[in-house]
């Protein structure tokens, strides 16, 4: 964290003080500008995503547990207009969008410049639907059939490569 005293000490020139006050003003007003009409502000964070297989009839999940470093976006607008997504995801990376409440996911991926696998996850953490290799710059709308709580993006080919299935669990844990 920067040492803020360097901008506040007597003798600092006027430009430094103005910059400091402007930054403070932005920090105070930015969250208020995002949360309108009782909506939850958009929150970005790093977290751990763990995908575990659906137990078999004996209750065994096997040894397969997939761990991802996830960039999490929680809030009202999952894909803000003009958002350009061009980052390639590594095999251990994911992007997770968490809705405030269960809803039909309605994805507009025109600004997605790289192919991804998409998982739809319900409020219990169960994967309910999957779409492998979503085409980059697709103009086709992508909707979940059922109401979901999360949308997970993985590197294209992950569903097949790691044998991810409907019914597997996808849980997000906060990084400490």
N, C-alpha and C. Protein backbone atom coordinates (compact mmCIF):
# COMPACT_ATOMS: atom_id res chain seq x y z
N UNK A 1 0.86 -1.18 0.00
CA UNK A 1 0.00 0.00 0.00
C UNK A 1 0.90 1.23 0.00
N UNK A 2 0.59 2.23 -0.84
CA UNK A 2 1.44 3.41 -0.90
C UNK A 2 1.37 4.20 0.41
N UNK A 3 2.45 4.88 0.71
CA UNK A 3 2.52 5.72 1.89
C UNK A 3 1.81 7.03 1.57
N UNK A 4 0.62 7.23 2.14
CA UNK A 4 -0.18 8.41 1.82
C UNK A 4 0.38 9.67 2.46
N UNK A 5 1.22 9.53 3.48
CA UNK A 5 1.77 10.70 4.14
C UNK A 5 2.60 11.54 3.18
N UNK A 6 3.19 10.91 2.19
CA UNK A 6 4.00 11.68 1.26
C UNK A 6 3.18 12.70 0.49
N UNK A 7 1.88 12.48 0.36
CA UNK A 7 1.02 13.42 -0.37
C UNK A 7 0.38 14.45 0.55
N UNK A 8 0.49 14.26 1.86
CA UNK A 8 -0.23 15.13 2.80
C UNK A 8 0.67 16.01 3.64
N UNK A 9 1.97 15.81 3.57
CA UNK A 9 2.84 16.57 4.46
C UNK A 9 2.92 18.02 4.02
N UNK A 10 3.14 18.92 5.00
CA UNK A 10 3.30 20.32 4.64
C UNK A 10 4.47 20.47 3.67
N UNK A 11 4.28 21.29 2.71
CA UNK A 11 5.32 21.52 1.73
C UNK A 11 5.07 20.75 0.44
N UNK A 12 4.11 19.82 0.44
CA UNK A 12 3.78 19.13 -0.81
C UNK A 12 3.17 20.15 -1.74
N UNK A 13 3.48 20.04 -3.01
CA UNK A 13 2.93 21.05 -3.91
C UNK A 13 1.43 20.85 -4.09
N UNK A 14 0.75 21.83 -4.57
CA UNK A 14 -0.70 21.81 -4.71
C UNK A 14 -1.21 20.70 -5.60
N UNK A 15 -0.44 20.33 -6.63
CA UNK A 15 -0.88 19.27 -7.53
C UNK A 15 -0.98 17.93 -6.81
N UNK A 16 -0.02 17.63 -5.93
CA UNK A 16 -0.06 16.38 -5.18
C UNK A 16 -1.29 16.33 -4.28
N UNK A 17 -1.60 17.44 -3.63
CA UNK A 17 -2.76 17.49 -2.74
C UNK A 17 -4.04 17.31 -3.54
N UNK A 18 -4.14 17.94 -4.68
CA UNK A 18 -5.33 17.81 -5.53
C UNK A 18 -5.49 16.38 -6.01
N UNK A 19 -4.40 15.75 -6.44
CA UNK A 19 -4.45 14.36 -6.88
C UNK A 19 -4.92 13.46 -5.75
N UNK A 20 -4.38 13.67 -4.56
CA UNK A 20 -4.75 12.87 -3.40
C UNK A 20 -6.24 13.01 -3.11
N UNK A 21 -6.74 14.24 -3.09
CA UNK A 21 -8.17 14.47 -2.81
C UNK A 21 -9.05 13.88 -3.90
N UNK A 22 -8.62 13.93 -5.14
CA UNK A 22 -9.38 13.36 -6.25
C UNK A 22 -9.47 11.84 -6.10
N UNK A 23 -8.37 11.19 -5.71
CA UNK A 23 -8.37 9.74 -5.51
C UNK A 23 -9.32 9.37 -4.38
N UNK A 24 -9.28 10.12 -3.28
CA UNK A 24 -10.18 9.85 -2.16
C UNK A 24 -11.63 10.01 -2.61
N UNK A 25 -11.92 11.05 -3.37
CA UNK A 25 -13.28 11.30 -3.87
C UNK A 25 -13.74 10.12 -4.74
N UNK A 26 -12.87 9.61 -5.61
CA UNK A 26 -13.23 8.46 -6.45
C UNK A 26 -13.50 7.22 -5.62
N UNK A 27 -12.67 7.00 -4.60
CA UNK A 27 -12.86 5.82 -3.75
C UNK A 27 -14.18 5.89 -2.98
N UNK A 28 -14.60 7.09 -2.62
CA UNK A 28 -15.85 7.24 -1.87
C UNK A 28 -17.06 7.15 -2.80
N UNK A 29 -16.98 7.74 -3.97
CA UNK A 29 -18.14 7.80 -4.86
C UNK A 29 -18.30 6.59 -5.76
N UNK A 30 -17.24 5.87 -6.09
CA UNK A 30 -17.34 4.75 -7.04
C UNK A 30 -18.31 3.67 -6.58
N UNK A 31 -18.25 3.18 -5.33
CA UNK A 31 -19.21 2.15 -4.93
C UNK A 31 -20.65 2.64 -4.98
N UNK A 32 -20.88 3.90 -4.62
CA UNK A 32 -22.23 4.44 -4.65
C UNK A 32 -22.75 4.54 -6.07
N UNK A 33 -21.88 4.81 -7.03
CA UNK A 33 -22.30 4.92 -8.42
C UNK A 33 -22.69 3.56 -8.99
N UNK A 34 -22.07 2.49 -8.51
CA UNK A 34 -22.39 1.16 -9.03
C UNK A 34 -23.68 0.61 -8.44
N UNK A 35 -23.98 0.89 -7.21
CA UNK A 35 -25.16 0.34 -6.56
C UNK A 35 -26.31 1.31 -6.71
N UNK A 36 -27.19 1.05 -7.66
CA UNK A 36 -28.33 1.89 -7.92
C UNK A 36 -29.60 1.10 -7.71
N UNK A 37 -30.65 1.75 -7.26
CA UNK A 37 -31.96 1.13 -7.11
C UNK A 37 -31.90 -0.15 -6.28
N UNK A 38 -31.11 -0.17 -5.22
CA UNK A 38 -31.06 -1.32 -4.34
C UNK A 38 -30.29 -2.51 -4.88
N UNK A 39 -29.60 -2.36 -6.01
CA UNK A 39 -28.83 -3.45 -6.59
C UNK A 39 -27.52 -3.62 -5.83
N UNK A 40 -27.01 -4.85 -5.85
CA UNK A 40 -25.72 -5.13 -5.23
C UNK A 40 -24.62 -4.61 -6.16
N UNK A 41 -23.61 -3.93 -5.61
CA UNK A 41 -22.52 -3.48 -6.48
C UNK A 41 -21.74 -4.67 -7.03
N UNK A 42 -21.09 -4.47 -8.15
CA UNK A 42 -20.27 -5.51 -8.74
C UNK A 42 -18.99 -5.62 -7.92
N UNK A 43 -18.65 -6.83 -7.53
CA UNK A 43 -17.47 -7.07 -6.71
C UNK A 43 -16.55 -8.03 -7.46
N UNK A 44 -15.28 -7.69 -7.56
CA UNK A 44 -14.29 -8.56 -8.18
C UNK A 44 -13.38 -9.12 -7.09
N UNK A 45 -13.05 -10.38 -7.19
CA UNK A 45 -12.16 -10.99 -6.19
C UNK A 45 -11.46 -12.19 -6.79
N UNK A 46 -10.42 -12.64 -6.11
CA UNK A 46 -9.74 -13.89 -6.47
C UNK A 46 -10.22 -14.92 -5.46
N UNK A 47 -10.44 -16.13 -5.93
CA UNK A 47 -10.93 -17.19 -5.05
C UNK A 47 -10.46 -18.53 -5.59
N UNK A 48 -10.82 -19.57 -4.87
CA UNK A 48 -10.51 -20.93 -5.29
C UNK A 48 -11.82 -21.58 -5.74
N UNK A 49 -11.81 -22.17 -6.92
CA UNK A 49 -12.94 -22.93 -7.43
C UNK A 49 -12.54 -24.39 -7.38
N UNK A 50 -13.40 -25.23 -6.79
CA UNK A 50 -13.13 -26.66 -6.71
C UNK A 50 -14.29 -27.39 -7.38
N UNK A 51 -13.95 -28.24 -8.35
CA UNK A 51 -14.96 -29.08 -9.01
C UNK A 51 -14.71 -30.51 -8.57
N UNK A 52 -15.74 -31.11 -7.96
CA UNK A 52 -15.65 -32.50 -7.52
C UNK A 52 -16.71 -33.31 -8.24
N UNK A 53 -16.40 -34.56 -8.56
CA UNK A 53 -17.36 -35.37 -9.31
C UNK A 53 -18.58 -35.75 -8.48
N UNK A 54 -19.66 -36.00 -9.20
CA UNK A 54 -20.88 -36.49 -8.58
C UNK A 54 -20.58 -37.89 -8.02
N UNK A 55 -20.99 -38.15 -6.77
CA UNK A 55 -20.73 -39.48 -6.20
C UNK A 55 -21.43 -40.59 -6.99
N UNK A 56 -20.78 -41.73 -7.07
CA UNK A 56 -21.41 -42.88 -7.72
C UNK A 56 -22.42 -43.51 -6.76
N UNK A 57 -23.03 -44.63 -7.15
CA UNK A 57 -24.06 -45.24 -6.30
C UNK A 57 -23.53 -45.68 -4.94
N UNK A 58 -22.23 -45.84 -4.79
CA UNK A 58 -21.62 -46.20 -3.51
C UNK A 58 -21.21 -44.97 -2.69
N UNK A 59 -21.46 -43.77 -3.23
CA UNK A 59 -21.09 -42.54 -2.54
C UNK A 59 -19.65 -42.13 -2.77
N UNK A 60 -18.94 -42.83 -3.66
CA UNK A 60 -17.52 -42.56 -3.92
C UNK A 60 -17.39 -41.49 -5.01
N UNK A 61 -16.52 -40.51 -4.78
CA UNK A 61 -16.26 -39.48 -5.79
C UNK A 61 -14.94 -39.72 -6.51
N UNK A 62 -14.23 -40.79 -6.14
CA UNK A 62 -12.95 -41.07 -6.79
C UNK A 62 -11.90 -40.08 -6.34
N UNK A 63 -10.80 -40.08 -7.05
CA UNK A 63 -9.69 -39.19 -6.70
C UNK A 63 -9.75 -37.87 -7.44
N UNK A 64 -10.66 -37.74 -8.39
CA UNK A 64 -10.68 -36.57 -9.27
C UNK A 64 -11.29 -35.36 -8.56
N UNK A 65 -10.46 -34.40 -8.22
CA UNK A 65 -10.90 -33.12 -7.71
C UNK A 65 -10.10 -32.07 -8.47
N UNK A 66 -10.77 -31.12 -9.07
CA UNK A 66 -10.12 -30.10 -9.88
C UNK A 66 -10.09 -28.79 -9.12
N UNK A 67 -8.90 -28.21 -8.98
CA UNK A 67 -8.73 -26.93 -8.30
C UNK A 67 -8.37 -25.86 -9.32
N UNK A 68 -9.05 -24.73 -9.21
CA UNK A 68 -8.80 -23.60 -10.12
C UNK A 68 -8.56 -22.33 -9.31
N UNK A 69 -7.75 -21.46 -9.85
CA UNK A 69 -7.65 -20.09 -9.35
C UNK A 69 -8.70 -19.32 -10.13
N UNK A 70 -9.65 -18.75 -9.40
CA UNK A 70 -10.80 -18.12 -10.07
C UNK A 70 -10.82 -16.62 -9.87
N UNK A 71 -11.17 -15.93 -10.93
CA UNK A 71 -11.50 -14.52 -10.84
C UNK A 71 -13.02 -14.48 -10.71
N UNK A 72 -13.50 -13.92 -9.62
CA UNK A 72 -14.93 -13.94 -9.32
C UNK A 72 -15.52 -12.55 -9.51
N UNK A 73 -16.64 -12.50 -10.21
CA UNK A 73 -17.40 -11.25 -10.34
C UNK A 73 -18.77 -11.52 -9.76
N UNK A 74 -19.13 -10.76 -8.75
CA UNK A 74 -20.42 -10.92 -8.11
C UNK A 74 -21.17 -9.62 -8.23
N UNK A 75 -22.38 -9.67 -8.74
CA UNK A 75 -23.17 -8.46 -8.87
C UNK A 75 -24.25 -8.61 -9.90
N UNK A 76 -24.78 -7.49 -10.33
CA UNK A 76 -25.99 -7.49 -11.14
C UNK A 76 -25.75 -7.63 -12.63
N UNK A 77 -24.65 -7.14 -13.14
CA UNK A 77 -24.44 -7.13 -14.59
C UNK A 77 -23.24 -8.02 -14.92
N UNK A 78 -23.53 -9.25 -15.34
CA UNK A 78 -22.46 -10.21 -15.55
C UNK A 78 -21.54 -9.85 -16.71
N UNK A 79 -22.09 -9.28 -17.74
CA UNK A 79 -21.29 -8.93 -18.91
C UNK A 79 -21.65 -7.49 -19.30
N UNK A 80 -21.05 -6.49 -18.61
CA UNK A 80 -21.39 -5.11 -18.90
C UNK A 80 -21.13 -4.77 -20.37
N UNK A 81 -21.95 -3.89 -20.95
CA UNK A 81 -21.75 -3.50 -22.34
C UNK A 81 -20.34 -2.97 -22.54
N UNK A 82 -19.71 -3.38 -23.63
CA UNK A 82 -18.38 -2.90 -23.94
C UNK A 82 -17.26 -3.68 -23.28
N UNK A 83 -17.59 -4.61 -22.38
CA UNK A 83 -16.56 -5.41 -21.73
C UNK A 83 -15.95 -6.35 -22.76
N UNK A 84 -14.65 -6.25 -22.95
CA UNK A 84 -13.96 -7.09 -23.92
C UNK A 84 -13.15 -8.12 -23.15
N UNK A 85 -13.41 -9.39 -23.45
CA UNK A 85 -12.73 -10.49 -22.77
C UNK A 85 -11.81 -11.16 -23.77
N UNK A 86 -10.51 -10.96 -23.57
CA UNK A 86 -9.57 -11.54 -24.53
C UNK A 86 -8.47 -12.35 -23.86
N UNK A 87 -8.61 -12.59 -22.57
CA UNK A 87 -7.59 -13.33 -21.82
C UNK A 87 -7.75 -14.83 -22.05
N UNK A 88 -6.66 -15.47 -22.46
CA UNK A 88 -6.64 -16.92 -22.52
C UNK A 88 -6.57 -17.44 -21.09
N UNK A 89 -7.35 -18.44 -20.78
CA UNK A 89 -7.29 -19.04 -19.46
C UNK A 89 -6.34 -20.23 -19.47
N UNK A 90 -5.50 -20.31 -18.46
CA UNK A 90 -4.64 -21.48 -18.29
C UNK A 90 -5.51 -22.63 -17.80
N UNK A 91 -4.97 -23.84 -17.81
CA UNK A 91 -5.73 -25.01 -17.36
C UNK A 91 -6.18 -24.90 -15.91
N UNK A 92 -5.49 -24.12 -15.09
CA UNK A 92 -5.86 -24.02 -13.68
C UNK A 92 -6.58 -22.70 -13.35
N UNK A 93 -7.06 -22.00 -14.37
CA UNK A 93 -7.75 -20.72 -14.16
C UNK A 93 -9.21 -20.82 -14.58
N UNK A 94 -10.04 -20.02 -13.92
CA UNK A 94 -11.47 -19.97 -14.23
C UNK A 94 -11.97 -18.55 -13.99
N UNK A 95 -13.10 -18.24 -14.59
CA UNK A 95 -13.81 -17.00 -14.31
C UNK A 95 -15.19 -17.42 -13.83
N UNK A 96 -15.62 -16.86 -12.69
CA UNK A 96 -16.91 -17.22 -12.10
C UNK A 96 -17.74 -15.96 -11.96
N UNK A 97 -18.97 -16.02 -12.46
CA UNK A 97 -19.93 -14.93 -12.32
C UNK A 97 -21.00 -15.43 -11.35
N UNK A 98 -21.24 -14.69 -10.27
CA UNK A 98 -22.22 -15.09 -9.28
C UNK A 98 -23.38 -14.10 -9.29
N UNK A 99 -24.57 -14.62 -9.55
CA UNK A 99 -25.77 -13.78 -9.55
C UNK A 99 -26.22 -13.54 -8.11
N UNK A 100 -26.92 -12.43 -7.89
CA UNK A 100 -27.46 -12.11 -6.57
C UNK A 100 -28.54 -13.10 -6.16
N UNK A 101 -29.28 -13.61 -7.13
CA UNK A 101 -30.35 -14.58 -6.85
C UNK A 101 -30.42 -15.53 -8.04
N UNK A 102 -31.13 -16.63 -7.87
CA UNK A 102 -31.29 -17.60 -8.96
C UNK A 102 -32.00 -16.95 -10.13
N UNK A 103 -31.51 -17.24 -11.33
CA UNK A 103 -32.14 -16.68 -12.53
C UNK A 103 -31.70 -17.46 -13.75
N UNK A 104 -32.43 -17.28 -14.82
CA UNK A 104 -32.03 -17.84 -16.10
C UNK A 104 -30.84 -17.02 -16.57
N UNK A 105 -29.73 -17.68 -16.84
CA UNK A 105 -28.54 -16.98 -17.32
C UNK A 105 -28.77 -16.63 -18.79
N UNK A 106 -28.57 -15.39 -19.12
CA UNK A 106 -28.73 -14.89 -20.48
C UNK A 106 -27.42 -14.22 -20.86
N UNK A 107 -26.58 -14.95 -21.61
CA UNK A 107 -25.24 -14.48 -21.89
C UNK A 107 -25.13 -13.91 -23.30
N UNK A 108 -24.53 -12.75 -23.38
CA UNK A 108 -24.22 -12.13 -24.65
C UNK A 108 -22.69 -12.13 -24.75
N UNK A 109 -22.17 -12.95 -25.64
CA UNK A 109 -20.72 -13.14 -25.67
C UNK A 109 -20.06 -12.55 -26.93
N UNK A 110 -20.65 -11.52 -27.50
CA UNK A 110 -20.06 -10.89 -28.68
C UNK A 110 -18.65 -10.38 -28.43
N UNK A 111 -18.38 -9.96 -27.19
CA UNK A 111 -17.07 -9.40 -26.86
C UNK A 111 -16.11 -10.42 -26.26
N UNK A 112 -16.45 -11.68 -26.35
CA UNK A 112 -15.56 -12.75 -25.89
C UNK A 112 -14.66 -13.11 -27.07
N UNK A 113 -13.39 -12.78 -26.97
CA UNK A 113 -12.47 -12.94 -28.09
C UNK A 113 -11.70 -14.26 -28.06
N UNK A 114 -11.99 -15.12 -27.07
CA UNK A 114 -11.36 -16.42 -26.98
C UNK A 114 -12.44 -17.46 -26.67
N UNK A 115 -12.27 -18.66 -27.19
CA UNK A 115 -13.23 -19.72 -26.95
C UNK A 115 -13.14 -20.18 -25.50
N UNK A 116 -14.28 -20.51 -24.91
CA UNK A 116 -14.33 -20.98 -23.52
C UNK A 116 -15.34 -22.10 -23.39
N UNK A 117 -15.20 -22.89 -22.33
CA UNK A 117 -16.24 -23.84 -21.91
C UNK A 117 -17.06 -23.14 -20.84
N UNK A 118 -18.38 -23.33 -20.87
CA UNK A 118 -19.29 -22.67 -19.93
C UNK A 118 -20.00 -23.72 -19.09
N UNK A 119 -20.03 -23.50 -17.78
CA UNK A 119 -20.78 -24.35 -16.85
C UNK A 119 -21.84 -23.50 -16.18
N UNK A 120 -23.05 -24.04 -16.06
CA UNK A 120 -24.12 -23.39 -15.32
C UNK A 120 -24.28 -24.15 -14.01
N UNK A 121 -24.29 -23.41 -12.88
CA UNK A 121 -24.27 -24.02 -11.56
C UNK A 121 -25.45 -23.50 -10.73
N UNK A 122 -26.20 -24.43 -10.10
CA UNK A 122 -27.37 -24.03 -9.31
C UNK A 122 -26.96 -23.58 -7.91
N UNK A 123 -27.95 -23.22 -7.10
CA UNK A 123 -27.67 -22.68 -5.76
C UNK A 123 -27.03 -23.70 -4.82
N UNK A 124 -27.16 -24.99 -5.11
CA UNK A 124 -26.54 -26.03 -4.28
C UNK A 124 -25.12 -26.34 -4.74
N UNK A 125 -24.67 -25.69 -5.80
CA UNK A 125 -23.32 -25.92 -6.30
C UNK A 125 -23.24 -27.02 -7.34
N UNK A 126 -24.39 -27.55 -7.77
CA UNK A 126 -24.40 -28.62 -8.78
C UNK A 126 -24.34 -28.04 -10.18
N UNK A 127 -23.51 -28.64 -11.02
CA UNK A 127 -23.46 -28.25 -12.42
C UNK A 127 -24.71 -28.81 -13.08
N UNK A 128 -25.54 -27.92 -13.64
CA UNK A 128 -26.81 -28.34 -14.23
C UNK A 128 -26.76 -28.42 -15.74
N UNK A 129 -25.88 -27.63 -16.34
CA UNK A 129 -25.74 -27.61 -17.81
C UNK A 129 -24.31 -27.24 -18.15
N UNK A 130 -23.88 -27.66 -19.35
CA UNK A 130 -22.53 -27.34 -19.82
C UNK A 130 -22.58 -27.03 -21.31
N UNK A 131 -21.76 -26.09 -21.72
CA UNK A 131 -21.60 -25.80 -23.15
C UNK A 131 -20.11 -25.79 -23.45
N UNK A 132 -19.62 -26.81 -24.15
CA UNK A 132 -18.20 -26.84 -24.48
C UNK A 132 -17.88 -25.93 -25.66
N UNK A 133 -16.69 -25.40 -25.69
CA UNK A 133 -16.16 -24.62 -26.81
C UNK A 133 -17.13 -23.55 -27.32
N UNK A 134 -17.52 -22.63 -26.44
CA UNK A 134 -18.33 -21.50 -26.89
C UNK A 134 -17.49 -20.70 -27.86
N UNK A 135 -18.02 -20.47 -29.02
CA UNK A 135 -17.29 -19.80 -30.09
C UNK A 135 -16.99 -18.35 -29.74
N UNK A 136 -15.76 -17.96 -29.95
CA UNK A 136 -15.36 -16.57 -29.74
C UNK A 136 -16.17 -15.67 -30.67
N UNK A 137 -16.56 -14.51 -30.15
CA UNK A 137 -17.31 -13.49 -30.90
C UNK A 137 -18.68 -14.00 -31.36
N UNK A 138 -19.24 -14.97 -30.66
CA UNK A 138 -20.52 -15.55 -31.04
C UNK A 138 -21.64 -14.51 -30.90
N UNK A 139 -22.50 -14.45 -31.89
CA UNK A 139 -23.67 -13.57 -31.82
C UNK A 139 -24.91 -14.36 -31.39
N UNK A 140 -24.75 -15.67 -31.24
CA UNK A 140 -25.86 -16.50 -30.77
C UNK A 140 -26.06 -16.29 -29.27
N UNK A 141 -27.28 -15.99 -28.85
CA UNK A 141 -27.50 -15.85 -27.40
C UNK A 141 -27.34 -17.21 -26.72
N UNK A 142 -26.80 -17.18 -25.53
CA UNK A 142 -26.63 -18.41 -24.76
C UNK A 142 -27.42 -18.25 -23.47
N UNK A 143 -28.38 -19.15 -23.28
CA UNK A 143 -29.24 -19.10 -22.11
C UNK A 143 -29.20 -20.43 -21.39
N UNK A 144 -29.31 -20.37 -20.07
CA UNK A 144 -29.47 -21.61 -19.32
C UNK A 144 -30.93 -22.04 -19.42
N UNK A 145 -31.17 -23.32 -19.35
CA UNK A 145 -32.55 -23.83 -19.39
C UNK A 145 -33.19 -23.64 -18.02
N UNK A 146 -32.41 -23.91 -16.97
CA UNK A 146 -32.89 -23.78 -15.60
C UNK A 146 -32.31 -22.52 -14.95
N UNK A 147 -32.92 -22.11 -13.84
CA UNK A 147 -32.37 -20.99 -13.08
C UNK A 147 -31.06 -21.44 -12.44
N UNK A 148 -30.07 -20.56 -12.47
CA UNK A 148 -28.76 -20.86 -11.92
C UNK A 148 -28.30 -19.74 -11.01
N UNK A 149 -27.28 -20.03 -10.22
CA UNK A 149 -26.71 -19.03 -9.33
C UNK A 149 -25.35 -18.56 -9.82
N UNK A 150 -24.65 -19.46 -10.56
CA UNK A 150 -23.30 -19.13 -11.03
C UNK A 150 -23.14 -19.54 -12.49
N UNK A 151 -22.26 -18.81 -13.16
CA UNK A 151 -21.80 -19.19 -14.49
C UNK A 151 -20.28 -19.27 -14.38
N UNK A 152 -19.73 -20.40 -14.81
CA UNK A 152 -18.28 -20.63 -14.73
C UNK A 152 -17.72 -20.73 -16.13
N UNK A 153 -16.66 -20.02 -16.38
CA UNK A 153 -15.93 -20.12 -17.65
C UNK A 153 -14.60 -20.81 -17.39
N UNK A 154 -14.31 -21.83 -18.21
CA UNK A 154 -13.04 -22.54 -18.15
C UNK A 154 -12.37 -22.45 -19.51
N UNK A 155 -11.11 -22.77 -19.57
CA UNK A 155 -10.40 -22.81 -20.85
C UNK A 155 -11.13 -23.79 -21.78
N UNK A 156 -11.22 -23.45 -23.04
CA UNK A 156 -11.89 -24.32 -24.01
C UNK A 156 -11.26 -25.70 -24.00
N UNK A 157 -12.08 -26.72 -23.96
CA UNK A 157 -11.61 -28.10 -23.96
C UNK A 157 -11.53 -28.72 -22.58
N UNK A 158 -11.73 -27.93 -21.53
CA UNK A 158 -11.61 -28.43 -20.16
C UNK A 158 -12.68 -29.47 -19.83
N UNK A 159 -13.89 -29.28 -20.31
CA UNK A 159 -14.98 -30.22 -20.02
C UNK A 159 -14.59 -31.62 -20.47
N UNK A 160 -14.09 -31.72 -21.69
CA UNK A 160 -13.70 -33.03 -22.23
C UNK A 160 -12.42 -33.54 -21.57
N UNK A 161 -11.42 -32.66 -21.46
CA UNK A 161 -10.11 -33.05 -20.93
C UNK A 161 -10.19 -33.60 -19.51
N UNK A 162 -11.03 -32.98 -18.67
CA UNK A 162 -11.12 -33.37 -17.27
C UNK A 162 -12.39 -34.14 -16.94
N UNK A 163 -13.13 -34.54 -17.98
CA UNK A 163 -14.33 -35.36 -17.80
C UNK A 163 -15.32 -34.72 -16.82
N UNK A 164 -15.56 -33.43 -16.98
CA UNK A 164 -16.53 -32.72 -16.14
C UNK A 164 -17.92 -33.08 -16.63
N UNK A 165 -18.82 -33.36 -15.68
CA UNK A 165 -20.16 -33.84 -16.04
C UNK A 165 -21.24 -33.05 -15.30
N UNK A 166 -22.44 -33.07 -15.87
CA UNK A 166 -23.61 -32.54 -15.18
C UNK A 166 -23.76 -33.34 -13.89
N UNK A 167 -24.02 -32.65 -12.79
CA UNK A 167 -24.14 -33.29 -11.49
C UNK A 167 -22.90 -33.14 -10.63
N UNK A 168 -21.75 -32.84 -11.26
CA UNK A 168 -20.54 -32.56 -10.49
C UNK A 168 -20.77 -31.28 -9.69
N UNK A 169 -20.01 -31.11 -8.62
CA UNK A 169 -20.10 -29.90 -7.78
C UNK A 169 -19.05 -28.90 -8.22
N UNK A 170 -19.46 -27.63 -8.21
CA UNK A 170 -18.54 -26.53 -8.49
C UNK A 170 -18.71 -25.52 -7.37
N UNK A 171 -17.74 -25.47 -6.45
CA UNK A 171 -17.86 -24.62 -5.27
C UNK A 171 -16.74 -23.58 -5.26
N UNK A 172 -17.09 -22.38 -4.82
CA UNK A 172 -16.15 -21.27 -4.74
C UNK A 172 -15.80 -21.04 -3.28
N UNK A 173 -14.50 -20.97 -3.01
CA UNK A 173 -14.01 -20.70 -1.66
C UNK A 173 -13.18 -19.43 -1.69
N UNK A 174 -13.38 -18.56 -0.72
CA UNK A 174 -12.62 -17.31 -0.66
C UNK A 174 -11.15 -17.61 -0.40
N UNK A 175 -10.29 -16.85 -1.07
CA UNK A 175 -8.86 -16.93 -0.81
C UNK A 175 -8.58 -16.07 0.42
N UNK A 176 -7.79 -16.56 1.31
CA UNK A 176 -7.43 -15.78 2.51
C UNK A 176 -6.08 -15.16 2.29
